[in-house]
Amino acid sequence: KSGLDELMFAAEQQKAQLVLYGHTHIAGYEFHGRTLFLNPGAVMGCRDTGKCTYAVLEWKPGGEIYMQMAELDR
């Protein structure tokens, strides 16, 4: 809710490739170095936009992550 600073520190300590977070219900993603920070949004609707969103993740051979953000029709 107050930014990604604490998550970035924890991800660095754990050498995480992916960090999933939520609470804001606002879909979005960003990379910091090689770490993907992903908020899939909310399948019951975002507070700001009313859009129902989710994310699909797939790990490719070699460890590459494929990510697709999607929206549900109501």
C-alpha atoms as a PDB file:
ATOM      1  CA  LYS A   1       0.000   0.000   0.000  1.00  0.00           C
ATOM      2  CA  SER A   2       2.915   2.324   0.665  1.00  0.00           C
ATOM      3  CA  GLY A   3       5.169   1.338  -2.233  1.00  0.00           C
ATOM      4  CA  LEU A   4       7.479  -1.461  -3.227  1.00  0.00           C
ATOM      5  CA  ASP A   5      10.544  -0.567  -1.151  1.00  0.00           C
ATOM      6  CA  GLU A   6      10.081  -3.257   1.509  1.00  0.00           C
ATOM      7  CA  LEU A   7       9.126  -5.842  -1.118  1.00  0.00           C
ATOM      8  CA  MET A   8      12.203  -4.972  -3.187  1.00  0.00           C
ATOM      9  CA  PHE A   9      14.442  -5.418  -0.158  1.00  0.00           C
ATOM     10  CA  ALA A  10      12.869  -8.788   0.716  1.00  0.00           C
ATOM     11  CA  ALA A  11      13.048  -9.938  -2.921  1.00  0.00           C
ATOM     12  CA  GLU A  12      16.728  -9.028  -3.096  1.00  0.00           C
ATOM     13  CA  GLN A  13      17.448 -10.925   0.122  1.00  0.00           C
ATOM     14  CA  GLN A  14      15.667 -14.025  -1.203  1.00  0.00           C
ATOM     15  CA  LYS A  15      16.996 -13.643  -4.771  1.00  0.00           C
ATOM     16  CA  ALA A  16      13.378 -13.812  -5.943  1.00  0.00           C
ATOM     17  CA  GLN A  17      12.557 -13.880  -9.624  1.00  0.00           C
ATOM     18  CA  LEU A  18       8.889 -13.037  -9.025  1.00  0.00           C
ATOM     19  CA  VAL A  19       6.998 -11.106  -6.345  1.00  0.00           C
ATOM     20  CA  LEU A  20       3.195 -11.248  -6.267  1.00  0.00           C
ATOM     21  CA  TYR A  21       1.376  -8.660  -4.217  1.00  0.00           C
ATOM     22  CA  GLY A  22      -2.087  -7.195  -3.935  1.00  0.00           C
ATOM     23  CA  HIS A  23      -4.266  -5.308  -1.498  1.00  0.00           C
ATOM     24  CA  THR A  24      -4.605  -2.268  -3.767  1.00  0.00           C
ATOM     25  CA  HIS A  25      -6.792  -4.172  -6.293  1.00  0.00           C
ATOM     26  CA  ILE A  26      -5.014  -2.186  -9.013  1.00  0.00           C
ATOM     27  CA  ALA A  27      -3.471  -4.379 -11.705  1.00  0.00           C
ATOM     28  CA  GLY A  28       0.066  -3.610 -12.747  1.00  0.00           C
ATOM     29  CA  TYR A  29       3.596  -4.882 -13.027  1.00  0.00           C
ATOM     30  CA  GLU A  30       7.135  -3.634 -13.195  1.00  0.00           C
ATOM     31  CA  PHE A  31      10.625  -5.041 -13.309  1.00  0.00           C
ATOM     32  CA  HIS A  32      13.357  -4.073 -10.887  1.00  0.00           C
ATOM     33  CA  GLY A  33      16.479  -5.672 -12.235  1.00  0.00           C
ATOM     34  CA  ARG A  34      15.508  -9.241 -13.105  1.00  0.00           C
ATOM     35  CA  THR A  35      12.674  -9.402 -10.565  1.00  0.00           C
ATOM     36  CA  LEU A  36       9.077  -9.105 -11.771  1.00  0.00           C
ATOM     37  CA  PHE A  37       6.734  -7.374  -9.306  1.00  0.00           C
ATOM     38  CA  LEU A  38       3.145  -8.226 -10.190  1.00  0.00           C
ATOM     39  CA  ASN A  39      -0.211  -7.155  -8.815  1.00  0.00           C
ATOM     40  CA  PRO A  40      -2.849  -9.144 -10.744  1.00  0.00           C
ATOM     41  CA  GLY A  41      -5.637  -6.770  -9.684  1.00  0.00           C
ATOM     42  CA  ALA A  42      -8.952  -8.204  -8.532  1.00  0.00           C
ATOM     43  CA  VAL A  43     -11.303 -10.679 -10.183  1.00  0.00           C
ATOM     44  CA  MET A  44     -14.203  -9.041  -8.356  1.00  0.00           C
ATOM     45  CA  GLY A  45     -13.422  -5.626  -9.832  1.00  0.00           C
ATOM     46  CA  CYS A  46     -10.926  -2.888  -9.270  1.00  0.00           C
ATOM     47  CA  ARG A  47     -11.932  -0.068  -6.956  1.00  0.00           C
ATOM     48  CA  ASP A  48     -10.739   2.615  -9.372  1.00  0.00           C
ATOM     49  CA  THR A  49     -11.734   1.229 -12.774  1.00  0.00           C
ATOM     50  CA  GLY A  50     -14.322  -1.469 -12.062  1.00  0.00           C
ATOM     51  CA  LYS A  51     -12.361  -3.840 -14.324  1.00  0.00           C
ATOM     52  CA  CYS A  52     -11.991  -7.472 -13.268  1.00  0.00           C
ATOM     53  CA  THR A  53      -8.377  -8.470 -13.901  1.00  0.00           C
ATOM     54  CA  TYR A  54      -6.053 -11.415 -13.399  1.00  0.00           C
ATOM     55  CA  ALA A  55      -2.642 -12.598 -14.562  1.00  0.00           C
ATOM     56  CA  VAL A  56      -1.458 -15.798 -16.218  1.00  0.00           C
ATOM     57  CA  LEU A  57       2.142 -16.828 -15.557  1.00  0.00           C
ATOM     58  CA  GLU A  58       4.140 -19.507 -17.347  1.00  0.00           C
ATOM     59  CA  TRP A  59       7.717 -20.514 -16.713  1.00  0.00           C
ATOM     60  CA  LYS A  60       9.590 -21.291 -19.926  1.00  0.00           C
ATOM     61  CA  PRO A  61      12.552 -23.659 -20.158  1.00  0.00           C
ATOM     62  CA  GLY A  62      15.600 -21.871 -18.801  1.00  0.00           C
ATOM     63  CA  GLY A  63      13.564 -20.015 -16.169  1.00  0.00           C
ATOM     64  CA  GLU A  64      12.134 -17.192 -18.298  1.00  0.00           C
ATOM     65  CA  ILE A  65       8.712 -16.029 -17.093  1.00  0.00           C
ATOM     66  CA  TYR A  66       5.919 -15.349 -19.575  1.00  0.00           C
ATOM     67  CA  MET A  67       3.215 -13.106 -18.141  1.00  0.00           C
ATOM     68  CA  GLN A  68      -0.116 -12.041 -19.580  1.00  0.00           C
ATOM     69  CA  MET A  69      -2.531  -9.633 -17.914  1.00  0.00           C
ATOM     70  CA  ALA A  70      -6.171 -10.326 -18.737  1.00  0.00           C
ATOM     71  CA  GLU A  71      -9.568  -8.819 -18.084  1.00  0.00           C
ATOM     72  CA  LEU A  72     -12.817 -10.692 -17.426  1.00  0.00           C
ATOM     73  CA  ASP A  73     -16.064  -9.754 -19.125  1.00  0.00           C
ATOM     74  CA  ARG A  74     -18.845  -9.079 -16.672  1.00  0.00           C
END
